[in-house]
Amino acid sequence: GEPVDAVQHGTMRCCTQLAWLLERLGAHHQIRYLDTIHFVDRQGRHATLRGGWLPAPAHAAPSFLRLGFLSLGDKAALGRAFLTILRAGPDTDWEGVSVAEWAQRARLPETAVRRYLEPVLVSACNETLERISCRYAFMVFREGFLANPTAYHFGVPRVPLGTLYTEPTVRCLTERGGEVLLKTTVRRIAIGGGKRTVVLADGRHLTPDIVICATPWHQVEGILDPSVTAGSEYFRQLAAMEHSPIVGVHVWLDRPVEMPHCVALVERRTDWVFNKTLNFDRPRGENAYLSMVISADRELTEMPREQVFALVMEEVRSSLPQTRDAK
């Protein structure tokens, strides 16, 4: 009976367009914004990042300087990196430079990259540092952590994603005279004679004024007329795009677990552990429902599920002592 999201989602206060959408849907109150980001390193040490009384971009500096999993040299190097990011602004010249290449050029210590840049950027962009453009990595840090003292606040849903997005979206559309067809497959989109025809699997034909095709990109070419896609540079580039996997692991334990709403694991394959019992405002003392997220780990997608589960649970148990004896 538990609604299970494919993978945990989160937002930040800097994601203003998403906040605007959720406000329109009457669902923004279902996001809980956290002003503290919790970390656990390989030694089991806890650390937190939070804003303080200083103005941006120095608002988080006191807590950043107390992060125990970074050395003084790491912090100094990252401080210089943040100055580079602030000076760069939204500069497109950085688009062709990967984060890994920039980190090497800037002589950032490997520990600073592995323990700070990776946890933030791989989670934010769902890619490896070798495949993340500095233009967008810099935007994550600039808009999320440096430009505004509350922009870093991490938003976690209080409800499953179907309740957050789907139900209010369907209600919003139907209240305005729209029709939502669920479990309906589109076979083809025909364009010609000044009109667009959407052919459904059950044989029905729809003739809308506008079609917004929001399927995964690799399905688009299969449902559009070849006359639209043939010889198109746009569709050639679309076909060349690749997947980047994100893995979600859900576990229900036989006892409560005292932990924050979410924890970032440092130098682990598991990126985040979410306490969904707490996030969903369930009664205190209820057995724990945890959700783990691993971003951009292509090797995991080739493993049997049992092996992925064992690997993730080993990391969870070593990071969160209360889970060690739980079934």
Protein backbone atom coordinates (compact mmCIF):
# COMPACT_ATOMS: atom_id res chain seq x y z
CA GLY A 1 0.00 0.00 0.00
CA GLU A 2 3.02 2.31 0.10
CA PRO A 3 3.28 4.71 -2.89
CA VAL A 4 6.92 4.38 -3.97
CA ASP A 5 8.64 7.08 -6.01
CA ALA A 6 11.08 5.76 -8.59
CA VAL A 7 13.76 7.86 -6.91
CA GLN A 8 13.81 10.59 -4.29
CA HIS A 9 13.53 14.17 -5.56
CA GLY A 10 14.68 17.38 -3.91
CA THR A 11 14.82 21.08 -4.73
CA MET A 12 16.49 24.24 -3.40
CA ARG A 13 15.19 27.72 -2.75
CA CYS A 14 17.18 28.94 -5.76
CA CYS A 15 14.88 26.82 -8.00
CA THR A 16 12.40 29.66 -8.32
CA GLN A 17 10.65 28.41 -11.45
CA LEU A 18 9.76 25.12 -9.77
CA ALA A 19 8.51 27.04 -6.73
CA TRP A 20 6.37 29.19 -9.06
CA LEU A 21 4.88 26.08 -10.68
CA LEU A 22 4.11 24.47 -7.31
CA GLU A 23 2.52 27.73 -6.12
CA ARG A 24 0.25 27.73 -9.17
CA LEU A 25 -0.68 24.11 -8.44
CA GLY A 26 -1.37 24.89 -4.78
CA ALA A 27 1.27 22.36 -3.73
CA HIS A 28 4.28 24.45 -2.65
CA HIS A 29 3.36 23.95 1.02
CA GLN A 30 4.20 20.27 0.51
CA ILE A 31 7.91 21.14 0.27
CA ARG A 32 9.83 21.36 3.56
CA TYR A 33 12.91 23.59 3.22
CA LEU A 34 15.84 22.63 5.44
CA ASP A 35 18.38 25.28 6.47
CA THR A 36 21.00 22.69 7.47
CA ILE A 37 22.73 20.15 5.20
CA HIS A 38 24.04 17.11 7.10
CA PHE A 39 27.11 15.11 6.06
CA VAL A 40 28.58 11.83 7.35
CA ASP A 41 32.12 10.92 6.27
CA ARG A 42 33.80 7.51 6.01
CA GLN A 43 34.90 7.70 9.66
CA GLY A 44 31.29 8.20 10.75
CA ARG A 45 31.88 11.84 11.70
CA HIS A 46 28.90 14.16 11.34
CA ALA A 47 29.23 17.68 9.94
CA THR A 48 26.75 20.37 8.96
CA LEU A 49 26.60 23.24 6.50
CA ARG A 50 24.30 26.14 7.30
CA GLY A 51 24.02 29.88 6.82
CA GLY A 52 24.92 32.43 9.47
CA TRP A 53 24.80 36.16 10.15
CA LEU A 54 27.36 37.14 7.48
CA PRO A 55 26.07 38.52 4.15
CA ALA A 56 26.32 36.48 0.95
CA PRO A 57 28.60 35.06 -0.37
CA ALA A 58 30.19 34.57 3.08
CA HIS A 59 26.99 33.51 4.88
CA ALA A 60 28.00 29.81 5.09
CA ALA A 61 31.73 30.44 5.65
CA PRO A 62 31.76 29.77 9.44
CA SER A 63 30.10 26.34 9.08
CA PHE A 64 32.15 25.55 5.94
CA LEU A 65 35.35 26.18 7.90
CA ARG A 66 34.16 23.69 10.55
CA LEU A 67 33.60 20.80 8.10
CA GLY A 68 35.76 18.09 9.67
CA PHE A 69 36.17 15.98 6.54
CA LEU A 70 38.05 18.78 4.75
CA SER A 71 41.60 19.80 5.66
CA LEU A 72 42.69 23.42 6.01
CA GLY A 73 44.40 23.11 2.60
CA ASP A 74 41.18 21.76 1.06
CA LYS A 75 39.19 24.69 2.43
CA ALA A 76 41.72 27.27 1.22
CA ALA A 77 41.75 25.74 -2.28
CA LEU A 78 37.95 25.61 -2.42
CA GLY A 79 37.81 29.24 -1.24
CA ARG A 80 39.98 30.25 -4.20
CA ALA A 81 37.74 28.15 -6.48
CA PHE A 82 34.63 29.97 -5.23
CA LEU A 83 36.27 33.31 -6.09
CA THR A 84 36.88 32.02 -9.63
CA ILE A 85 33.21 30.99 -9.85
CA LEU A 86 32.00 34.40 -8.68
CA ARG A 87 34.24 36.22 -11.15
CA ALA A 88 33.20 33.97 -14.04
CA GLY A 89 29.51 34.89 -13.89
CA PRO A 90 27.26 33.31 -16.54
CA ASP A 91 30.19 33.14 -18.97
CA THR A 92 29.65 30.77 -21.90
CA ASP A 93 33.43 30.47 -22.39
CA TRP A 94 33.37 27.84 -19.63
CA GLU A 95 30.87 25.63 -21.46
CA GLY A 96 33.50 23.49 -23.17
CA VAL A 97 35.57 22.93 -20.02
CA SER A 98 34.70 19.99 -17.76
CA VAL A 99 34.82 20.28 -13.98
CA ALA A 100 37.49 17.57 -13.84
CA GLU A 101 39.67 19.52 -16.30
CA TRP A 102 39.16 22.81 -14.41
CA ALA A 103 39.93 21.18 -11.03
CA GLN A 104 43.21 19.87 -12.46
CA ARG A 105 44.10 23.28 -13.93
CA ALA A 106 43.26 25.00 -10.63
CA ARG A 107 45.34 22.40 -8.75
CA LEU A 108 42.52 21.58 -6.39
CA PRO A 109 43.52 18.82 -3.95
CA GLU A 110 42.04 15.44 -4.80
CA THR A 111 40.44 15.29 -1.34
CA ALA A 112 38.66 18.63 -1.92
CA VAL A 113 37.32 17.35 -5.24
CA ARG A 114 36.27 13.95 -3.90
CA ARG A 115 34.80 15.15 -0.61
CA TYR A 116 33.10 18.39 -1.65
CA LEU A 117 32.80 19.04 -5.37
CA GLU A 118 31.66 15.51 -6.16
CA PRO A 119 28.91 15.24 -3.50
CA VAL A 120 27.43 18.57 -4.57
CA LEU A 121 27.78 18.45 -8.35
CA VAL A 122 27.15 14.78 -9.09
CA SER A 123 23.91 15.01 -7.10
CA ALA A 124 22.88 18.32 -8.70
CA CYS A 125 23.74 17.40 -12.31
CA ASN A 126 23.46 13.58 -12.21
CA GLU A 127 26.76 13.25 -14.09
CA THR A 128 30.41 12.59 -13.42
CA LEU A 129 32.81 15.53 -13.12
CA GLU A 130 34.41 14.51 -16.44
CA ARG A 131 31.06 15.09 -18.15
CA ILE A 132 29.79 18.20 -16.32
CA SER A 133 30.43 21.53 -18.03
CA CYS A 134 31.89 24.25 -15.82
CA ARG A 135 29.26 26.66 -17.11
CA TYR A 136 26.55 24.69 -15.31
CA ALA A 137 28.66 23.57 -12.36
CA PHE A 138 29.53 27.20 -11.66
CA MET A 139 25.83 28.07 -11.90
CA VAL A 140 25.02 25.46 -9.23
CA PHE A 141 27.51 27.00 -6.79
CA ARG A 142 26.85 30.62 -7.73
CA GLU A 143 23.05 30.50 -7.59
CA GLY A 144 22.73 27.75 -5.00
CA PHE A 145 25.42 28.58 -2.46
CA LEU A 146 26.99 32.01 -3.05
CA ALA A 147 24.54 34.57 -4.41
CA ASN A 148 21.83 34.51 -1.74
CA PRO A 149 21.94 33.55 1.96
CA THR A 150 18.90 31.23 1.77
CA ALA A 151 19.31 29.87 -1.78
CA TYR A 152 21.01 26.69 -0.50
CA HIS A 153 18.00 25.66 1.63
CA PHE A 154 17.24 22.09 0.57
CA GLY A 155 13.59 21.32 -0.17
CA VAL A 156 12.31 17.79 0.52
CA PRO A 157 8.73 16.74 -0.37
CA ARG A 158 6.37 15.90 2.51
CA VAL A 159 4.35 13.63 0.20
CA PRO A 160 4.98 11.14 -2.63
CA LEU A 161 5.64 12.75 -6.02
CA GLY A 162 2.26 11.67 -7.40
CA THR A 163 0.59 13.69 -4.65
CA LEU A 164 3.00 16.60 -5.15
CA TYR A 165 2.81 16.90 -8.94
CA THR A 166 0.35 14.59 -10.67
CA GLU A 167 -2.84 15.01 -8.66
CA PRO A 168 -2.75 18.83 -8.48
CA THR A 169 -1.74 19.07 -12.16
CA VAL A 170 -4.68 16.91 -13.29
CA ARG A 171 -7.01 18.91 -11.03
CA CYS A 172 -5.66 22.24 -12.36
CA LEU A 173 -6.14 21.19 -15.99
CA THR A 174 -9.61 19.69 -15.58
CA GLU A 175 -10.84 22.73 -13.62
CA ARG A 176 -9.88 24.84 -16.65
CA GLY A 177 -11.75 22.66 -19.13
CA GLY A 178 -8.84 20.41 -20.07
CA GLU A 179 -9.00 16.64 -20.46
CA VAL A 180 -6.32 14.30 -19.14
CA LEU A 181 -6.05 10.85 -20.75
CA LEU A 182 -4.21 8.42 -18.49
CA LYS A 183 -2.74 5.07 -19.60
CA THR A 184 -3.03 6.22 -23.20
CA THR A 185 -0.29 5.43 -25.71
CA VAL A 186 0.57 7.73 -28.61
CA ARG A 187 1.59 5.77 -31.70
CA ARG A 188 2.34 8.62 -34.09
CA ILE A 189 2.25 12.38 -34.57
CA ALA A 190 1.43 13.28 -38.19
CA ILE A 191 2.11 16.79 -39.48
CA GLY A 192 0.79 17.98 -42.83
CA GLY A 193 -1.89 19.98 -44.58
CA GLY A 194 -1.61 22.71 -41.99
CA LYS A 195 -2.62 20.50 -39.09
CA ARG A 196 -1.21 18.08 -36.54
CA THR A 197 -2.77 14.69 -35.92
CA VAL A 198 -1.99 12.61 -32.84
CA VAL A 199 -2.74 8.93 -33.51
CA LEU A 200 -3.47 6.90 -30.37
CA ALA A 201 -2.93 3.16 -29.94
CA ASP A 202 -6.70 2.55 -29.74
CA GLY A 203 -7.17 4.10 -33.20
CA ARG A 204 -8.45 7.51 -32.13
CA HIS A 205 -7.16 10.61 -33.90
CA LEU A 206 -6.74 13.93 -32.06
CA THR A 207 -6.17 17.23 -33.92
CA PRO A 208 -4.75 19.76 -31.43
CA ASP A 209 -3.53 23.25 -32.36
CA ILE A 210 -0.20 22.61 -30.60
CA VAL A 211 1.68 19.45 -29.61
CA ILE A 212 4.24 19.54 -26.79
CA CYS A 213 6.22 16.32 -26.97
CA ALA A 214 7.57 15.62 -23.48
CA THR A 215 8.52 11.98 -23.91
CA PRO A 216 12.09 10.79 -23.25
CA TRP A 217 14.22 12.12 -26.13
CA HIS A 218 15.02 8.67 -27.55
CA GLN A 219 11.29 8.05 -28.22
CA VAL A 220 10.63 11.28 -30.09
CA GLU A 221 11.93 10.20 -33.50
CA GLY A 222 9.87 7.01 -33.39
CA ILE A 223 6.53 8.84 -33.11
CA LEU A 224 7.18 11.85 -35.38
CA ASP A 225 6.74 11.68 -39.14
CA PRO A 226 10.07 11.03 -40.92
CA SER A 227 9.35 14.15 -43.01
CA VAL A 228 9.88 16.20 -39.84
CA THR A 229 13.06 14.52 -38.60
CA ALA A 230 14.89 13.60 -41.83
CA GLY A 231 18.00 15.69 -42.44
CA SER A 232 17.39 17.79 -39.31
CA GLU A 233 20.51 18.77 -37.35
CA TYR A 234 18.36 19.14 -34.23
CA PHE A 235 17.14 15.54 -34.40
CA ARG A 236 20.60 14.29 -35.33
CA GLN A 237 21.98 15.82 -32.13
CA LEU A 238 19.00 14.53 -30.17
CA ALA A 239 19.73 10.98 -31.31
CA ALA A 240 23.34 11.32 -30.12
CA MET A 241 22.35 12.07 -26.51
CA GLU A 242 23.11 9.46 -23.85
CA HIS A 243 21.45 8.33 -20.65
CA SER A 244 22.89 9.11 -17.26
CA PRO A 245 21.46 6.68 -14.69
CA ILE A 246 20.12 7.47 -11.25
CA VAL A 247 19.50 4.62 -8.84
CA GLY A 248 16.94 4.63 -6.03
CA VAL A 249 16.97 2.06 -3.22
CA HIS A 250 14.05 1.82 -0.77
CA VAL A 251 14.16 -0.02 2.54
CA TRP A 252 11.61 -0.52 5.31
CA LEU A 253 13.20 -1.43 8.65
CA ASP A 254 11.71 -3.21 11.65
CA ARG A 255 12.44 -0.34 14.07
CA PRO A 256 12.63 3.47 14.26
CA VAL A 257 15.84 5.29 13.29
CA GLU A 258 16.76 8.68 14.73
CA MET A 259 18.38 10.71 11.95
CA PRO A 260 17.83 14.06 10.16
CA HIS A 261 15.46 14.45 7.22
CA CYS A 262 18.37 13.62 4.90
CA VAL A 263 22.10 12.98 5.07
CA ALA A 264 24.80 13.27 2.38
CA LEU A 265 27.40 10.50 2.56
CA VAL A 266 30.99 11.61 1.83
CA GLU A 267 33.30 9.35 -0.22
CA ARG A 268 30.62 6.68 -0.62
CA ARG A 269 28.89 5.32 -3.69
CA THR A 270 25.59 6.11 -1.98
CA ASP A 271 25.10 9.86 -2.29
CA TRP A 272 22.10 10.52 -0.02
CA VAL A 273 19.98 8.80 2.63
CA PHE A 274 16.47 10.25 3.09
CA ASN A 275 14.41 9.60 6.21
CA LYS A 276 10.99 9.32 4.59
CA THR A 277 9.29 8.48 7.89
CA LEU A 278 10.30 11.94 9.12
CA ASN A 279 9.84 13.64 5.74
CA PHE A 280 6.27 12.32 5.47
CA ASP A 281 5.43 13.56 9.01
CA ARG A 282 4.62 10.09 10.26
CA PRO A 283 4.19 9.48 14.02
CA ARG A 284 7.37 9.59 16.05
CA GLY A 285 8.51 6.06 16.87
CA GLU A 286 7.13 4.53 13.66
CA ASN A 287 9.45 2.04 11.92
CA ALA A 288 11.89 3.65 9.53
CA TYR A 289 11.34 3.98 5.79
CA LEU A 290 14.62 5.08 4.18
CA SER A 291 15.33 6.02 0.58
CA MET A 292 18.85 6.08 -0.84
CA VAL A 293 20.01 7.82 -4.04
CA ILE A 294 23.06 7.09 -6.20
CA SER A 295 23.65 9.44 -9.14
CA ALA A 296 25.55 8.82 -12.39
CA ASP A 297 26.94 5.41 -11.38
CA ARG A 298 26.83 3.47 -14.62
CA GLU A 299 28.44 0.38 -13.12
CA LEU A 300 25.54 -0.10 -10.70
CA THR A 301 23.04 -0.45 -13.54
CA GLU A 302 24.90 -3.57 -14.71
CA MET A 303 24.81 -5.24 -11.28
CA PRO A 304 22.08 -7.62 -10.04
CA ARG A 305 19.64 -5.85 -7.75
CA GLU A 306 20.65 -7.98 -4.78
CA GLN A 307 24.26 -6.85 -5.17
CA VAL A 308 23.25 -3.18 -5.39
CA PHE A 309 21.09 -3.57 -2.29
CA ALA A 310 23.88 -5.26 -0.33
CA LEU A 311 26.40 -2.57 -1.31
CA VAL A 312 24.06 0.28 -0.37
CA MET A 313 22.99 -1.26 2.93
CA GLU A 314 26.60 -1.86 3.93
CA GLU A 315 27.27 1.87 3.46
CA VAL A 316 24.07 2.87 5.29
CA ARG A 317 24.86 0.61 8.26
CA SER A 318 28.43 1.86 8.54
CA SER A 319 27.22 5.49 8.42
CA LEU A 320 24.11 5.24 10.62
CA PRO A 321 24.78 3.01 13.65
CA GLN A 322 21.07 2.62 14.54
CA THR A 323 20.49 0.65 11.34
CA ARG A 324 23.18 -1.97 12.01
CA ASP A 325 20.99 -4.49 13.84
CA ALA A 326 17.76 -3.65 12.00
CA LYS A 327 16.14 -6.16 9.66
